[in-house]
All heavy atoms as atom14 arrays in JSON, in Angstrom:
{
  "sequence": "YVSNWAALGTLASEIPDCIVFSDALNHASMIEGIRHSRAPKVIWKHN",
  "atom14_mask": [
    [1, 1, 1, 1, 1, 1, 1, 1, 1, 1, 1, 1, 0, 0],
    [1, 1, 1, 1, 1, 1, 1, 0, 0, 0, 0, 0, 0, 0],
    [1, 1, 1, 1, 1, 1, 0, 0, 0, 0, 0, 0, 0, 0],
    [1, 1, 1, 1, 1, 1, 1, 1, 0, 0, 0, 0, 0, 0],
    [1, 1, 1, 1, 1, 1, 1, 1, 1, 1, 1, 1, 1, 1],
    [1, 1, 1, 1, 1, 0, 0, 0, 0, 0, 0, 0, 0, 0],
    [1, 1, 1, 1, 1, 0, 0, 0, 0, 0, 0, 0, 0, 0],
    [1, 1, 1, 1, 1, 1, 1, 1, 0, 0, 0, 0, 0, 0],
    [1, 1, 1, 1, 0, 0, 0, 0, 0, 0, 0, 0, 0, 0],
    [1, 1, 1, 1, 1, 1, 1, 0, 0, 0, 0, 0, 0, 0],
    [1, 1, 1, 1, 1, 1, 1, 1, 0, 0, 0, 0, 0, 0],
    [1, 1, 1, 1, 1, 0, 0, 0, 0, 0, 0, 0, 0, 0],
    [1, 1, 1, 1, 1, 1, 0, 0, 0, 0, 0, 0, 0, 0],
    [1, 1, 1, 1, 1, 1, 1, 1, 1, 0, 0, 0, 0, 0],
    [1, 1, 1, 1, 1, 1, 1, 1, 0, 0, 0, 0, 0, 0],
    [1, 1, 1, 1, 1, 1, 1, 0, 0, 0, 0, 0, 0, 0],
    [1, 1, 1, 1, 1, 1, 1, 1, 0, 0, 0, 0, 0, 0],
    [1, 1, 1, 1, 1, 1, 0, 0, 0, 0, 0, 0, 0, 0],
    [1, 1, 1, 1, 1, 1, 1, 1, 0, 0, 0, 0, 0, 0],
    [1, 1, 1, 1, 1, 1, 1, 0, 0, 0, 0, 0, 0, 0],
    [1, 1, 1, 1, 1, 1, 1, 1, 1, 1, 1, 0, 0, 0],
    [1, 1, 1, 1, 1, 1, 0, 0, 0, 0, 0, 0, 0, 0],
    [1, 1, 1, 1, 1, 1, 1, 1, 0, 0, 0, 0, 0, 0],
    [1, 1, 1, 1, 1, 0, 0, 0, 0, 0, 0, 0, 0, 0],
    [1, 1, 1, 1, 1, 1, 1, 1, 0, 0, 0, 0, 0, 0],
    [1, 1, 1, 1, 1, 1, 1, 1, 0, 0, 0, 0, 0, 0],
    [1, 1, 1, 1, 1, 1, 1, 1, 1, 1, 0, 0, 0, 0],
    [1, 1, 1, 1, 1, 0, 0, 0, 0, 0, 0, 0, 0, 0],
    [1, 1, 1, 1, 1, 1, 0, 0, 0, 0, 0, 0, 0, 0],
    [1, 1, 1, 1, 1, 1, 1, 1, 0, 0, 0, 0, 0, 0],
    [1, 1, 1, 1, 1, 1, 1, 1, 0, 0, 0, 0, 0, 0],
    [1, 1, 1, 1, 1, 1, 1, 1, 1, 0, 0, 0, 0, 0],
    [1, 1, 1, 1, 0, 0, 0, 0, 0, 0, 0, 0, 0, 0],
    [1, 1, 1, 1, 1, 1, 1, 1, 0, 0, 0, 0, 0, 0],
    [1, 1, 1, 1, 1, 1, 1, 1, 1, 1, 1, 0, 0, 0],
    [1, 1, 1, 1, 1, 1, 1, 1, 1, 1, 0, 0, 0, 0],
    [1, 1, 1, 1, 1, 1, 0, 0, 0, 0, 0, 0, 0, 0],
    [1, 1, 1, 1, 1, 1, 1, 1, 1, 1, 1, 0, 0, 0],
    [1, 1, 1, 1, 1, 0, 0, 0, 0, 0, 0, 0, 0, 0],
    [1, 1, 1, 1, 1, 1, 1, 0, 0, 0, 0, 0, 0, 0],
    [1, 1, 1, 1, 1, 1, 1, 1, 1, 0, 0, 0, 0, 0],
    [1, 1, 1, 1, 1, 1, 1, 0, 0, 0, 0, 0, 0, 0],
    [1, 1, 1, 1, 1, 1, 1, 1, 0, 0, 0, 0, 0, 0],
    [1, 1, 1, 1, 1, 1, 1, 1, 1, 1, 1, 1, 1, 1],
    [1, 1, 1, 1, 1, 1, 1, 1, 1, 0, 0, 0, 0, 0],
    [1, 1, 1, 1, 1, 1, 1, 1, 1, 1, 0, 0, 0, 0],
    [1, 1, 1, 1, 1, 1, 1, 1, 0, 0, 0, 0, 0, 0]
  ],
  "atom14_positions": [
    [[0.85, -1.2, 0.0], [0.0, 0.0, 0.0], [0.88, 1.25, 0.0], [0.68, 2.17, -0.79], [-0.92, 0.0, 1.23], [-2.0, 1.05, 1.2], [-3.31, 0.72, 0.92], [-1.7, 2.39, 1.44], [-4.32, 1.68, 0.89], [-2.68, 3.36, 1.41], [-3.99, 3.0, 1.13], [-4.97, 3.96, 1.08], [0.0, 0.0, 0.0], [0.0, 0.0, 0.0]],
    [[1.87, 1.26, 0.88], [2.74, 2.43, 0.99], [3.57, 2.62, -0.28], [3.78, 3.76, -0.73], [3.64, 2.31, 2.23], [4.68, 3.44, 2.26], [2.8, 2.34, 3.5], [0.0, 0.0, 0.0], [0.0, 0.0, 0.0], [0.0, 0.0, 0.0], [0.0, 0.0, 0.0], [0.0, 0.0, 0.0], [0.0, 0.0, 0.0], [0.0, 0.0, 0.0]],
    [[4.03, 1.54, -0.88], [4.84, 1.69, -2.1], [4.03, 2.32, -3.22], [4.53, 3.2, -3.95], [5.44, 0.35, -2.54], [4.45, -0.62, -2.74], [0.0, 0.0, 0.0], [0.0, 0.0, 0.0], [0.0, 0.0, 0.0], [0.0, 0.0, 0.0], [0.0, 0.0, 0.0], [0.0, 0.0, 0.0], [0.0, 0.0, 0.0], [0.0, 0.0, 0.0]],
    [[2.77, 1.93, -3.38], [1.92, 2.56, -4.39], [1.62, 4.01, -4.05], [1.74, 4.91, -4.89], [0.59, 1.79, -4.52], [0.65, 0.69, -5.55], [1.44, 0.74, -6.5], [-0.18, -0.32, -5.39], [0.0, 0.0, 0.0], [0.0, 0.0, 0.0], [0.0, 0.0, 0.0], [0.0, 0.0, 0.0], [0.0, 0.0, 0.0], [0.0, 0.0, 0.0]],
    [[1.2, 4.24, -2.81], [0.85, 5.59, -2.37], [2.05, 6.53, -2.53], [1.92, 7.64, -3.06], [0.39, 5.54, -0.92], [0.06, 6.89, -0.34], [-1.1, 7.58, -0.46], [0.94, 7.71, 0.44], [-1.01, 8.78, 0.21], [0.23, 8.88, 0.77], [2.25, 7.55, 0.91], [0.79, 9.9, 1.54], [2.81, 8.57, 1.67], [2.08, 9.72, 1.98]],
    [[3.22, 6.08, -2.1], [4.39, 6.94, -2.11], [4.95, 7.13, -3.52], [5.27, 8.26, -3.92], [5.47, 6.36, -1.19], [0.0, 0.0, 0.0], [0.0, 0.0, 0.0], [0.0, 0.0, 0.0], [0.0, 0.0, 0.0], [0.0, 0.0, 0.0], [0.0, 0.0, 0.0], [0.0, 0.0, 0.0], [0.0, 0.0, 0.0], [0.0, 0.0, 0.0]],
    [[5.08, 6.05, -4.27], [5.7, 6.15, -5.6], [4.81, 6.91, -6.57], [5.27, 7.83, -7.27], [6.02, 4.76, -6.13], [0.0, 0.0, 0.0], [0.0, 0.0, 0.0], [0.0, 0.0, 0.0], [0.0, 0.0, 0.0], [0.0, 0.0, 0.0], [0.0, 0.0, 0.0], [0.0, 0.0, 0.0], [0.0, 0.0, 0.0], [0.0, 0.0, 0.0]],
    [[3.54, 6.53, -6.65], [2.63, 7.24, -7.56], [2.45, 8.69, -7.13], [2.44, 9.6, -7.97], [1.28, 6.54, -7.6], [1.18, 5.31, -8.5], [-0.11, 4.55, -8.26], [1.31, 5.68, -9.97], [0.0, 0.0, 0.0], [0.0, 0.0, 0.0], [0.0, 0.0, 0.0], [0.0, 0.0, 0.0], [0.0, 0.0, 0.0], [0.0, 0.0, 0.0]],
    [[2.29, 8.9, -5.83], [2.12, 10.26, -5.34], [3.31, 11.14, -5.65], [3.16, 12.32, -6.01], [0.0, 0.0, 0.0], [0.0, 0.0, 0.0], [0.0, 0.0, 0.0], [0.0, 0.0, 0.0], [0.0, 0.0, 0.0], [0.0, 0.0, 0.0], [0.0, 0.0, 0.0], [0.0, 0.0, 0.0], [0.0, 0.0, 0.0], [0.0, 0.0, 0.0]],
    [[4.51, 10.58, -5.55], [5.73, 11.35, -5.81], [5.92, 11.62, -7.3], [6.18, 12.76, -7.7], [6.95, 10.61, -5.24], [6.78, 10.44, -3.83], [8.24, 11.38, -5.52], [0.0, 0.0, 0.0], [0.0, 0.0, 0.0], [0.0, 0.0, 0.0], [0.0, 0.0, 0.0], [0.0, 0.0, 0.0], [0.0, 0.0, 0.0], [0.0, 0.0, 0.0]],
    [[5.8, 10.58, -8.1], [6.01, 10.76, -9.54], [5.01, 11.75, -10.12], [5.38, 12.66, -10.88], [5.9, 9.41, -10.26], [7.01, 8.4, -9.98], [6.64, 7.04, -10.55], [8.34, 8.88, -10.55], [0.0, 0.0, 0.0], [0.0, 0.0, 0.0], [0.0, 0.0, 0.0], [0.0, 0.0, 0.0], [0.0, 0.0, 0.0], [0.0, 0.0, 0.0]],
    [[3.74, 11.6, -9.75], [2.7, 12.44, -10.34], [2.78, 13.88, -9.85], [2.43, 14.82, -10.59], [1.32, 11.86, -10.04], [0.0, 0.0, 0.0], [0.0, 0.0, 0.0], [0.0, 0.0, 0.0], [0.0, 0.0, 0.0], [0.0, 0.0, 0.0], [0.0, 0.0, 0.0], [0.0, 0.0, 0.0], [0.0, 0.0, 0.0], [0.0, 0.0, 0.0]],
    [[3.25, 14.08, -8.63], [3.32, 15.45, -8.09], [4.6, 16.17, -8.47], [4.61, 17.4, -8.65], [3.18, 15.43, -6.57], [4.27, 14.76, -5.96], [0.0, 0.0, 0.0], [0.0, 0.0, 0.0], [0.0, 0.0, 0.0], [0.0, 0.0, 0.0], [0.0, 0.0, 0.0], [0.0, 0.0, 0.0], [0.0, 0.0, 0.0], [0.0, 0.0, 0.0]],
    [[5.69, 15.43, -8.61], [6.99, 16.07, -8.83], [7.33, 16.27, -10.31], [8.21, 17.07, -10.63], [8.1, 15.26, -8.15], [8.01, 15.22, -6.63], [8.28, 16.57, -6.0], [8.94, 17.41, -6.64], [7.82, 16.8, -4.85], [0.0, 0.0, 0.0], [0.0, 0.0, 0.0], [0.0, 0.0, 0.0], [0.0, 0.0, 0.0], [0.0, 0.0, 0.0]],
    [[6.67, 15.53, -11.2], [6.87, 15.75, -12.64], [5.91, 16.85, -13.07], [4.69, 16.67, -13.0], [6.62, 14.46, -13.44], [7.61, 13.37, -13.01], [6.75, 14.73, -14.94], [7.34, 12.02, -13.65], [0.0, 0.0, 0.0], [0.0, 0.0, 0.0], [0.0, 0.0, 0.0], [0.0, 0.0, 0.0], [0.0, 0.0, 0.0], [0.0, 0.0, 0.0]],
    [[6.38, 17.98, -13.5], [5.49, 19.12, -13.81], [4.45, 18.76, -14.87], [4.76, 18.14, -15.9], [6.46, 20.19, -14.33], [7.79, 19.83, -13.77], [7.81, 18.32, -13.7], [0.0, 0.0, 0.0], [0.0, 0.0, 0.0], [0.0, 0.0, 0.0], [0.0, 0.0, 0.0], [0.0, 0.0, 0.0], [0.0, 0.0, 0.0], [0.0, 0.0, 0.0]],
    [[3.2, 19.11, -14.58], [2.08, 18.96, -15.52], [1.79, 17.52, -15.9], [1.16, 17.25, -16.94], [2.34, 19.79, -16.79], [2.58, 21.26, -16.5], [1.85, 21.81, -15.66], [3.53, 21.84, -17.08], [0.0, 0.0, 0.0], [0.0, 0.0, 0.0], [0.0, 0.0, 0.0], [0.0, 0.0, 0.0], [0.0, 0.0, 0.0], [0.0, 0.0, 0.0]],
    [[2.22, 16.57, -15.08], [1.99, 15.15, -15.38], [0.5, 14.83, -15.28], [-0.19, 15.23, -14.34], [2.78, 14.28, -14.41], [2.62, 12.51, -14.71], [0.0, 0.0, 0.0], [0.0, 0.0, 0.0], [0.0, 0.0, 0.0], [0.0, 0.0, 0.0], [0.0, 0.0, 0.0], [0.0, 0.0, 0.0], [0.0, 0.0, 0.0], [0.0, 0.0, 0.0]],
    [[0.0, 14.07, -16.26], [-1.38, 13.59, -16.26], [-1.34, 12.09, -16.0], [-0.62, 11.35, -16.68], [-2.08, 13.87, -17.6], [-2.03, 15.36, -17.93], [-3.52, 13.37, -17.56], [-2.5, 15.68, -19.35], [0.0, 0.0, 0.0], [0.0, 0.0, 0.0], [0.0, 0.0, 0.0], [0.0, 0.0, 0.0], [0.0, 0.0, 0.0], [0.0, 0.0, 0.0]],
    [[-2.12, 11.64, -15.02], [-2.16, 10.21, -14.69], [-3.4, 9.58, -15.31], [-4.52, 10.07, -15.12], [-2.17, 9.99, -13.17], [-2.15, 8.5, -12.85], [-0.99, 10.69, -12.51], [0.0, 0.0, 0.0], [0.0, 0.0, 0.0], [0.0, 0.0, 0.0], [0.0, 0.0, 0.0], [0.0, 0.0, 0.0], [0.0, 0.0, 0.0], [0.0, 0.0, 0.0]],
    [[-3.2, 8.48, -16.03], [-4.29, 7.72, -16.64], [-4.44, 6.44, -15.81], [-3.58, 5.56, -15.86], [-3.98, 7.42, -18.1], [-3.92, 8.66, -18.95], [-2.77, 9.43, -18.98], [-5.01, 9.06, -19.7], [-2.71, 10.59, -19.74], [-4.96, 10.22, -20.46], [-3.81, 10.99, -20.48], [0.0, 0.0, 0.0], [0.0, 0.0, 0.0], [0.0, 0.0, 0.0]],
    [[-5.53, 6.36, -15.05], [-5.7, 5.31, -14.06], [-6.83, 4.37, -14.46], [-7.95, 4.81, -14.76], [-6.0, 5.94, -12.7], [-6.21, 4.96, -11.71], [0.0, 0.0, 0.0], [0.0, 0.0, 0.0], [0.0, 0.0, 0.0], [0.0, 0.0, 0.0], [0.0, 0.0, 0.0], [0.0, 0.0, 0.0], [0.0, 0.0, 0.0], [0.0, 0.0, 0.0]],
    [[-6.55, 3.05, -14.46], [-7.59, 2.07, -14.72], [-8.7, 2.2, -13.68], [-8.45, 2.42, -12.49], [-7.0, 0.65, -14.68], [-7.99, -0.41, -15.08], [-8.87, -0.75, -14.25], [-7.92, -0.92, -16.21], [0.0, 0.0, 0.0], [0.0, 0.0, 0.0], [0.0, 0.0, 0.0], [0.0, 0.0, 0.0], [0.0, 0.0, 0.0], [0.0, 0.0, 0.0]],
    [[-9.93, 2.03, -14.11], [-11.09, 2.25, -13.24], [-11.13, 1.3, -12.04], [-11.76, 1.62, -11.03], [-12.39, 2.11, -14.04], [0.0, 0.0, 0.0], [0.0, 0.0, 0.0], [0.0, 0.0, 0.0], [0.0, 0.0, 0.0], [0.0, 0.0, 0.0], [0.0, 0.0, 0.0], [0.0, 0.0, 0.0], [0.0, 0.0, 0.0], [0.0, 0.0, 0.0]],
    [[-10.46, 0.16, -12.13], [-10.5, -0.81, -11.03], [-9.18, -0.89, -10.27], [-8.92, -1.87, -9.57], [-10.89, -2.2, -11.55], [-12.32, -2.33, -12.09], [-12.64, -3.79, -12.39], [-13.35, -1.75, -11.13], [0.0, 0.0, 0.0], [0.0, 0.0, 0.0], [0.0, 0.0, 0.0], [0.0, 0.0, 0.0], [0.0, 0.0, 0.0], [0.0, 0.0, 0.0]],
    [[-8.36, 0.14, -10.38], [-7.11, 0.14, -9.63], [-7.35, 0.06, -8.12], [-8.37, 0.52, -7.62], [-6.29, 1.4, -9.94], [-5.46, 1.24, -11.2], [-5.21, 0.13, -11.66], [-4.99, 2.35, -11.75], [0.0, 0.0, 0.0], [0.0, 0.0, 0.0], [0.0, 0.0, 0.0], [0.0, 0.0, 0.0], [0.0, 0.0, 0.0], [0.0, 0.0, 0.0]],
    [[-6.37, -0.48, -7.43], [-6.45, -0.66, -5.98], [-6.51, 0.69, -5.26], [-6.04, 1.71, -5.75], [-5.21, -1.44, -5.51], [-5.28, -1.86, -4.08], [-4.67, -1.14, -3.07], [-5.88, -2.92, -3.48], [-4.89, -1.75, -1.91], [-5.62, -2.83, -2.14], [0.0, 0.0, 0.0], [0.0, 0.0, 0.0], [0.0, 0.0, 0.0], [0.0, 0.0, 0.0]],
    [[-7.09, 0.65, -4.06], [-7.24, 1.87, -3.26], [-5.91, 2.58, -3.02], [-5.85, 3.81, -2.98], [-7.89, 1.53, -1.92], [0.0, 0.0, 0.0], [0.0, 0.0, 0.0], [0.0, 0.0, 0.0], [0.0, 0.0, 0.0], [0.0, 0.0, 0.0], [0.0, 0.0, 0.0], [0.0, 0.0, 0.0], [0.0, 0.0, 0.0], [0.0, 0.0, 0.0]],
    [[-4.83, 1.83, -2.88], [-3.51, 2.45, -2.64], [-3.06, 3.27, -3.84], [-2.43, 4.34, -3.67], [-2.48, 1.37, -2.32], [-2.37, 0.44, -3.38], [0.0, 0.0, 0.0], [0.0, 0.0, 0.0], [0.0, 0.0, 0.0], [0.0, 0.0, 0.0], [0.0, 0.0, 0.0], [0.0, 0.0, 0.0], [0.0, 0.0, 0.0], [0.0, 0.0, 0.0]],
    [[-3.37, 2.8, -5.03], [-3.03, 3.56, -6.24], [-3.9, 4.81, -6.34], [-3.41, 5.91, -6.64], [-3.2, 2.68, -7.48], [-2.37, 1.4, -7.45], [-2.68, 0.31, -8.84], [-1.77, 1.14, -10.14], [0.0, 0.0, 0.0], [0.0, 0.0, 0.0], [0.0, 0.0, 0.0], [0.0, 0.0, 0.0], [0.0, 0.0, 0.0], [0.0, 0.0, 0.0]],
    [[-5.18, 4.64, -6.06], [-6.11, 5.77, -6.11], [-5.69, 6.84, -5.11], [-5.65, 8.04, -5.43], [-7.54, 5.29, -5.83], [-8.03, 4.36, -6.96], [-8.5, 6.47, -5.66], [-9.3, 3.61, -6.64], [0.0, 0.0, 0.0], [0.0, 0.0, 0.0], [0.0, 0.0, 0.0], [0.0, 0.0, 0.0], [0.0, 0.0, 0.0], [0.0, 0.0, 0.0]],
    [[-5.32, 6.42, -3.91], [-4.93, 7.38, -2.88], [-3.62, 8.08, -3.23], [-3.45, 9.27, -2.96], [-4.81, 6.68, -1.52], [-6.14, 6.34, -0.89], [-6.99, 7.57, -0.63], [-6.45, 8.61, -0.19], [-8.21, 7.5, -0.87], [0.0, 0.0, 0.0], [0.0, 0.0, 0.0], [0.0, 0.0, 0.0], [0.0, 0.0, 0.0], [0.0, 0.0, 0.0]],
    [[-2.68, 7.34, -3.82], [-1.43, 7.96, -4.23], [-1.64, 9.02, -5.3], [-1.06, 10.12, -5.24], [0.0, 0.0, 0.0], [0.0, 0.0, 0.0], [0.0, 0.0, 0.0], [0.0, 0.0, 0.0], [0.0, 0.0, 0.0], [0.0, 0.0, 0.0], [0.0, 0.0, 0.0], [0.0, 0.0, 0.0], [0.0, 0.0, 0.0], [0.0, 0.0, 0.0]],
    [[-2.49, 8.7, -6.26], [-2.79, 9.66, -7.33], [-3.53, 10.86, -6.77], [-3.22, 12.01, -7.12], [-3.61, 8.96, -8.44], [-2.77, 7.86, -9.1], [-4.09, 9.97, -9.48], [-3.58, 6.87, -9.93], [0.0, 0.0, 0.0], [0.0, 0.0, 0.0], [0.0, 0.0, 0.0], [0.0, 0.0, 0.0], [0.0, 0.0, 0.0], [0.0, 0.0, 0.0]],
    [[-4.5, 10.6, -5.89], [-5.25, 11.7, -5.27], [-4.32, 12.6, -4.45], [-4.42, 13.83, -4.5], [-6.36, 11.13, -4.39], [-7.23, 12.18, -3.71], [-8.26, 11.5, -2.83], [-9.18, 10.69, -3.63], [-9.86, 9.65, -3.16], [-9.7, 9.27, -1.91], [-10.68, 8.98, -3.95], [0.0, 0.0, 0.0], [0.0, 0.0, 0.0], [0.0, 0.0, 0.0]],
    [[-3.42, 11.98, -3.72], [-2.48, 12.73, -2.88], [-1.58, 13.64, -3.72], [-1.19, 14.72, -3.28], [-1.64, 11.76, -2.05], [-0.58, 12.4, -1.23], [-0.84, 13.12, -0.09], [0.77, 12.44, -1.4], [0.29, 13.58, 0.42], [1.28, 13.18, -0.35], [0.0, 0.0, 0.0], [0.0, 0.0, 0.0], [0.0, 0.0, 0.0], [0.0, 0.0, 0.0]],
    [[-1.26, 13.2, -4.93], [-0.37, 13.98, -5.78], [-1.0, 15.29, -6.26], [-0.29, 16.23, -6.63], [0.03, 13.15, -7.01], [-1.05, 13.09, -7.94], [0.0, 0.0, 0.0], [0.0, 0.0, 0.0], [0.0, 0.0, 0.0], [0.0, 0.0, 0.0], [0.0, 0.0, 0.0], [0.0, 0.0, 0.0], [0.0, 0.0, 0.0], [0.0, 0.0, 0.0]],
    [[-2.34, 15.32, -6.3], [-3.1, 16.46, -6.82], [-2.84, 16.7, -8.32], [-3.17, 17.77, -8.85], [-2.82, 17.73, -6.02], [-3.23, 17.62, -4.55], [-3.06, 18.92, -3.81], [-3.47, 18.78, -2.42], [-3.43, 19.76, -1.52], [-2.98, 20.96, -1.89], [-3.81, 19.55, -0.28], [0.0, 0.0, 0.0], [0.0, 0.0, 0.0], [0.0, 0.0, 0.0]],
    [[-2.25, 15.74, -8.96], [-2.03, 15.84, -10.41], [-3.36, 15.6, -11.13], [-4.24, 14.89, -10.61], [-1.0, 14.82, -10.86], [0.0, 0.0, 0.0], [0.0, 0.0, 0.0], [0.0, 0.0, 0.0], [0.0, 0.0, 0.0], [0.0, 0.0, 0.0], [0.0, 0.0, 0.0], [0.0, 0.0, 0.0], [0.0, 0.0, 0.0], [0.0, 0.0, 0.0]],
    [[-3.53, 16.15, -12.32], [-4.73, 15.84, -13.1], [-4.78, 14.35, -13.41], [-3.76, 13.75, -13.76], [-4.59, 16.69, -14.36], [-3.16, 17.08, -14.42], [-2.64, 17.1, -13.02], [0.0, 0.0, 0.0], [0.0, 0.0, 0.0], [0.0, 0.0, 0.0], [0.0, 0.0, 0.0], [0.0, 0.0, 0.0], [0.0, 0.0, 0.0], [0.0, 0.0, 0.0]],
    [[-5.96, 13.75, -13.25], [-6.09, 12.32, -13.5], [-7.23, 12.07, -14.47], [-8.22, 12.8, -14.5], [-6.32, 11.55, -12.2], [-7.64, 11.84, -11.52], [-7.8, 10.98, -10.27], [-9.14, 11.21, -9.58], [-9.3, 12.57, -9.06], [0.0, 0.0, 0.0], [0.0, 0.0, 0.0], [0.0, 0.0, 0.0], [0.0, 0.0, 0.0], [0.0, 0.0, 0.0]],
    [[-7.07, 11.02, -15.24], [-8.09, 10.57, -16.19], [-8.33, 9.09, -15.92], [-7.39, 8.29, -15.95], [-7.63, 10.79, -17.65], [-8.69, 10.26, -18.61], [-7.33, 12.25, -17.91], [0.0, 0.0, 0.0], [0.0, 0.0, 0.0], [0.0, 0.0, 0.0], [0.0, 0.0, 0.0], [0.0, 0.0, 0.0], [0.0, 0.0, 0.0], [0.0, 0.0, 0.0]],
    [[-9.57, 8.74, -15.63], [-9.9, 7.35, -15.35], [-10.4, 6.69, -16.63], [-11.32, 7.19, -17.27], [-10.95, 7.25, -14.23], [-10.39, 7.85, -12.93], [-11.37, 5.79, -14.01], [-11.4, 7.96, -11.83], [0.0, 0.0, 0.0], [0.0, 0.0, 0.0], [0.0, 0.0, 0.0], [0.0, 0.0, 0.0], [0.0, 0.0, 0.0], [0.0, 0.0, 0.0]],
    [[-9.76, 5.6, -17.02], [-10.19, 4.89, -18.22], [-10.88, 3.58, -17.85], [-10.61, 2.98, -16.82], [-9.03, 4.65, -19.19], [-7.78, 4.07, -18.6], [-6.87, 4.7, -17.81], [-7.28, 2.74, -18.78], [-5.85, 3.85, -17.49], [-6.06, 2.64, -18.08], [-7.72, 1.62, -19.49], [-5.29, 1.48, -18.04], [-6.96, 0.46, -19.46], [-5.76, 0.4, -18.75]],
    [[-11.83, 3.18, -18.69], [-12.63, 1.98, -18.43], [-11.71, 0.77, -18.27], [-10.72, 0.63, -18.99], [-13.62, 1.73, -19.57], [-14.67, 2.81, -19.72], [-15.56, 2.55, -20.92], [-16.55, 3.69, -21.15], [-17.35, 3.47, -22.39], [0.0, 0.0, 0.0], [0.0, 0.0, 0.0], [0.0, 0.0, 0.0], [0.0, 0.0, 0.0], [0.0, 0.0, 0.0]],
    [[-12.1, -0.09, -17.35], [-11.25, -1.21, -16.97], [-10.82, -2.06, -18.16], [-11.67, -2.6, -18.89], [-11.97, -2.08, -15.95], [-11.21, -3.3, -15.56], [-9.93, -3.26, -15.06], [-11.56, -4.61, -15.6], [-9.52, -4.49, -14.8], [-10.49, -5.32, -15.13], [0.0, 0.0, 0.0], [0.0, 0.0, 0.0], [0.0, 0.0, 0.0], [0.0, 0.0, 0.0]],
    [[-9.51, -2.15, -18.35], [-8.9, -2.98, -19.4], [-9.41, -2.65, -20.8], [-9.31, -3.48, -21.72], [-9.14, -4.47, -19.12], [-8.16, -5.03, -18.1], [-7.19, -4.38, -17.72], [-8.41, -6.25, -17.65], [0.0, 0.0, 0.0], [0.0, 0.0, 0.0], [0.0, 0.0, 0.0], [0.0, 0.0, 0.0], [0.0, 0.0, 0.0], [0.0, 0.0, 0.0]]
  ]
}
């Protein structure tokens, strides 16, 4: 959980203007990491 939250949150927040494209069924840890980054996100239909 922490590895997803920390890695995704860091990459998405520290890379300027990064857009995250997240599968609709991603795990809560991935969702929270992306949300924590405050980067723009786009959710795509599962698979």
